[in-house]
């Protein structure tokens, strides 16, 4: 992609560098920001503003 001038936006999602209490898998996902709401928010944050030009590549 880089050879053809495309730029990929990457967002790293990781476990915070702090103590995480024990809990159910669901509770831990929420605590670390890996639940559905947090993931949707992270994706929306990366999307271009309305009216921005989008390029779709065929696979």
N, C-alpha and C. Protein backbone atom coordinates (compact mmCIF):
# COMPACT_ATOMS: atom_id res chain seq x y z
N UNK A 1 0.83 -1.18 0.00
CA UNK A 1 0.00 0.00 0.00
C UNK A 1 0.87 1.25 0.00
N UNK A 2 1.92 1.23 0.80
CA UNK A 2 2.78 2.41 0.89
C UNK A 2 3.41 2.73 -0.47
N UNK A 3 3.74 1.70 -1.24
CA UNK A 3 4.33 1.91 -2.57
C UNK A 3 3.39 2.65 -3.51
N UNK A 4 2.10 2.59 -3.26
CA UNK A 4 1.10 3.24 -4.11
C UNK A 4 0.53 4.50 -3.48
N UNK A 5 1.13 4.97 -2.40
CA UNK A 5 0.73 6.23 -1.79
C UNK A 5 -0.43 6.16 -0.82
N UNK A 6 -0.87 4.96 -0.48
CA UNK A 6 -1.97 4.83 0.49
C UNK A 6 -1.42 4.95 1.91
N UNK A 7 -2.18 5.56 2.76
CA UNK A 7 -1.79 5.68 4.16
C UNK A 7 -2.81 4.95 5.01
N UNK A 8 -2.33 4.09 5.87
CA UNK A 8 -3.22 3.35 6.77
C UNK A 8 -3.15 3.99 8.15
N UNK A 9 -4.32 4.24 8.71
CA UNK A 9 -4.39 4.78 10.06
C UNK A 9 -4.51 3.60 11.02
N UNK A 10 -3.65 3.55 12.01
CA UNK A 10 -3.63 2.44 12.96
C UNK A 10 -3.86 2.98 14.36
N UNK A 11 -4.70 2.31 15.09
CA UNK A 11 -4.92 2.67 16.50
C UNK A 11 -4.63 1.43 17.33
N UNK A 12 -3.69 1.55 18.22
CA UNK A 12 -3.35 0.43 19.09
C UNK A 12 -4.30 0.41 20.28
N UNK A 13 -4.83 -0.75 20.54
CA UNK A 13 -5.69 -0.93 21.71
C UNK A 13 -4.97 -1.90 22.63
N UNK A 14 -4.77 -1.52 23.85
CA UNK A 14 -4.04 -2.38 24.77
C UNK A 14 -4.57 -2.26 26.19
N UNK A 15 -4.07 -3.11 27.02
CA UNK A 15 -4.45 -3.10 28.43
C UNK A 15 -3.72 -1.95 29.11
N UNK A 16 -4.43 -1.14 29.90
CA UNK A 16 -3.79 -0.01 30.56
C UNK A 16 -2.70 -0.47 31.53
N UNK A 17 -1.68 0.37 31.68
CA UNK A 17 -0.55 0.04 32.56
C UNK A 17 -0.89 0.45 34.00
N UNK A 18 -1.81 -0.29 34.56
CA UNK A 18 -2.22 -0.07 35.95
C UNK A 18 -2.82 -1.37 36.48
N UNK A 19 -3.04 -1.42 37.77
CA UNK A 19 -3.59 -2.61 38.40
C UNK A 19 -5.04 -2.81 37.96
N UNK A 20 -5.36 -4.01 37.52
CA UNK A 20 -6.72 -4.36 37.13
C UNK A 20 -7.24 -5.40 38.12
N UNK A 21 -8.35 -5.09 38.75
CA UNK A 21 -8.95 -6.01 39.72
C UNK A 21 -9.43 -7.29 39.04
N UNK A 22 -9.61 -8.32 39.83
CA UNK A 22 -10.19 -9.56 39.31
C UNK A 22 -11.67 -9.34 39.04
N UNK A 23 -12.21 -10.10 38.12
CA UNK A 23 -13.63 -9.99 37.81
C UNK A 23 -13.99 -10.93 36.68
N UNK A 24 -15.23 -10.87 36.29
CA UNK A 24 -15.68 -11.70 35.17
C UNK A 24 -15.04 -11.17 33.89
N UNK A 25 -15.08 -11.97 32.84
CA UNK A 25 -14.51 -11.54 31.57
C UNK A 25 -15.19 -10.26 31.09
N UNK A 26 -16.50 -10.18 31.22
CA UNK A 26 -17.24 -9.00 30.80
C UNK A 26 -16.78 -7.76 31.59
N UNK A 27 -16.62 -7.91 32.91
CA UNK A 27 -16.18 -6.79 33.74
C UNK A 27 -14.77 -6.33 33.35
N UNK A 28 -13.90 -7.28 33.06
CA UNK A 28 -12.53 -6.93 32.69
C UNK A 28 -12.48 -6.25 31.32
N UNK A 29 -13.30 -6.70 30.38
CA UNK A 29 -13.36 -6.05 29.07
C UNK A 29 -13.80 -4.59 29.23
N UNK A 30 -14.80 -4.36 30.06
CA UNK A 30 -15.27 -2.99 30.30
C UNK A 30 -14.16 -2.16 30.94
N UNK A 31 -13.51 -2.72 31.95
CA UNK A 31 -12.43 -2.02 32.67
C UNK A 31 -11.29 -1.62 31.74
N UNK A 32 -10.98 -2.47 30.77
CA UNK A 32 -9.85 -2.24 29.86
C UNK A 32 -10.25 -1.52 28.58
N UNK A 33 -11.55 -1.28 28.38
CA UNK A 33 -12.00 -0.60 27.18
C UNK A 33 -12.12 -1.51 25.97
N UNK A 34 -12.37 -2.79 26.20
CA UNK A 34 -12.53 -3.74 25.10
C UNK A 34 -13.98 -4.20 24.94
N UNK A 35 -14.91 -3.53 25.59
CA UNK A 35 -16.33 -3.88 25.42
C UNK A 35 -16.84 -3.27 24.12
N UNK A 36 -18.04 -3.67 23.72
CA UNK A 36 -18.57 -3.23 22.43
C UNK A 36 -18.69 -1.71 22.33
N UNK A 37 -19.13 -1.05 23.37
CA UNK A 37 -19.29 0.41 23.32
C UNK A 37 -17.95 1.11 23.15
N UNK A 38 -16.94 0.66 23.86
CA UNK A 38 -15.62 1.29 23.77
C UNK A 38 -14.99 1.06 22.40
N UNK A 39 -15.17 -0.13 21.84
CA UNK A 39 -14.61 -0.42 20.52
C UNK A 39 -15.29 0.40 19.44
N UNK A 40 -16.62 0.53 19.53
CA UNK A 40 -17.34 1.36 18.56
C UNK A 40 -16.87 2.81 18.66
N UNK A 41 -16.68 3.31 19.87
CA UNK A 41 -16.20 4.68 20.07
C UNK A 41 -14.81 4.86 19.47
N UNK A 42 -13.93 3.87 19.62
CA UNK A 42 -12.58 3.95 19.07
C UNK A 42 -12.62 3.99 17.54
N UNK A 43 -13.50 3.19 16.94
CA UNK A 43 -13.62 3.18 15.48
C UNK A 43 -14.19 4.51 14.99
N UNK A 44 -15.23 5.01 15.64
CA UNK A 44 -15.83 6.29 15.23
C UNK A 44 -14.82 7.43 15.33
N UNK A 45 -13.96 7.37 16.33
CA UNK A 45 -12.94 8.40 16.52
C UNK A 45 -11.97 8.43 15.33
N UNK A 46 -11.76 7.29 14.70
CA UNK A 46 -10.83 7.20 13.58
C UNK A 46 -11.47 7.55 12.24
N UNK A 47 -12.80 7.52 12.15
CA UNK A 47 -13.47 7.78 10.89
C UNK A 47 -13.32 9.24 10.49
N UNK A 48 -13.22 9.48 9.19
CA UNK A 48 -13.08 10.87 8.74
C UNK A 48 -14.37 11.65 8.98
N UNK A 49 -14.22 12.96 9.02
CA UNK A 49 -15.38 13.83 9.22
C UNK A 49 -16.31 13.73 8.02
N UNK A 50 -17.57 14.10 8.21
CA UNK A 50 -18.54 14.08 7.11
C UNK A 50 -18.03 14.94 5.96
N UNK A 51 -18.24 14.44 4.76
CA UNK A 51 -17.80 15.17 3.58
C UNK A 51 -16.37 14.88 3.17
N UNK A 52 -15.63 14.17 3.99
CA UNK A 52 -14.25 13.84 3.63
C UNK A 52 -14.24 12.79 2.53
N UNK A 53 -13.25 12.84 1.70
CA UNK A 53 -13.13 11.89 0.60
C UNK A 53 -12.69 10.53 1.14
N UNK A 54 -13.41 9.47 0.74
CA UNK A 54 -13.06 8.11 1.15
C UNK A 54 -12.62 7.33 -0.07
N UNK A 55 -11.61 6.53 0.09
CA UNK A 55 -11.12 5.67 -0.99
C UNK A 55 -11.33 4.23 -0.56
N UNK A 56 -11.99 3.44 -1.41
CA UNK A 56 -12.21 2.03 -1.13
C UNK A 56 -11.38 1.22 -2.10
N UNK A 57 -10.63 0.27 -1.56
CA UNK A 57 -9.79 -0.58 -2.40
C UNK A 57 -10.45 -1.94 -2.55
N UNK A 58 -10.45 -2.47 -3.76
CA UNK A 58 -10.96 -3.82 -3.99
C UNK A 58 -9.93 -4.83 -3.52
N UNK A 59 -10.40 -5.94 -2.98
CA UNK A 59 -9.47 -6.97 -2.52
C UNK A 59 -9.38 -8.09 -3.51
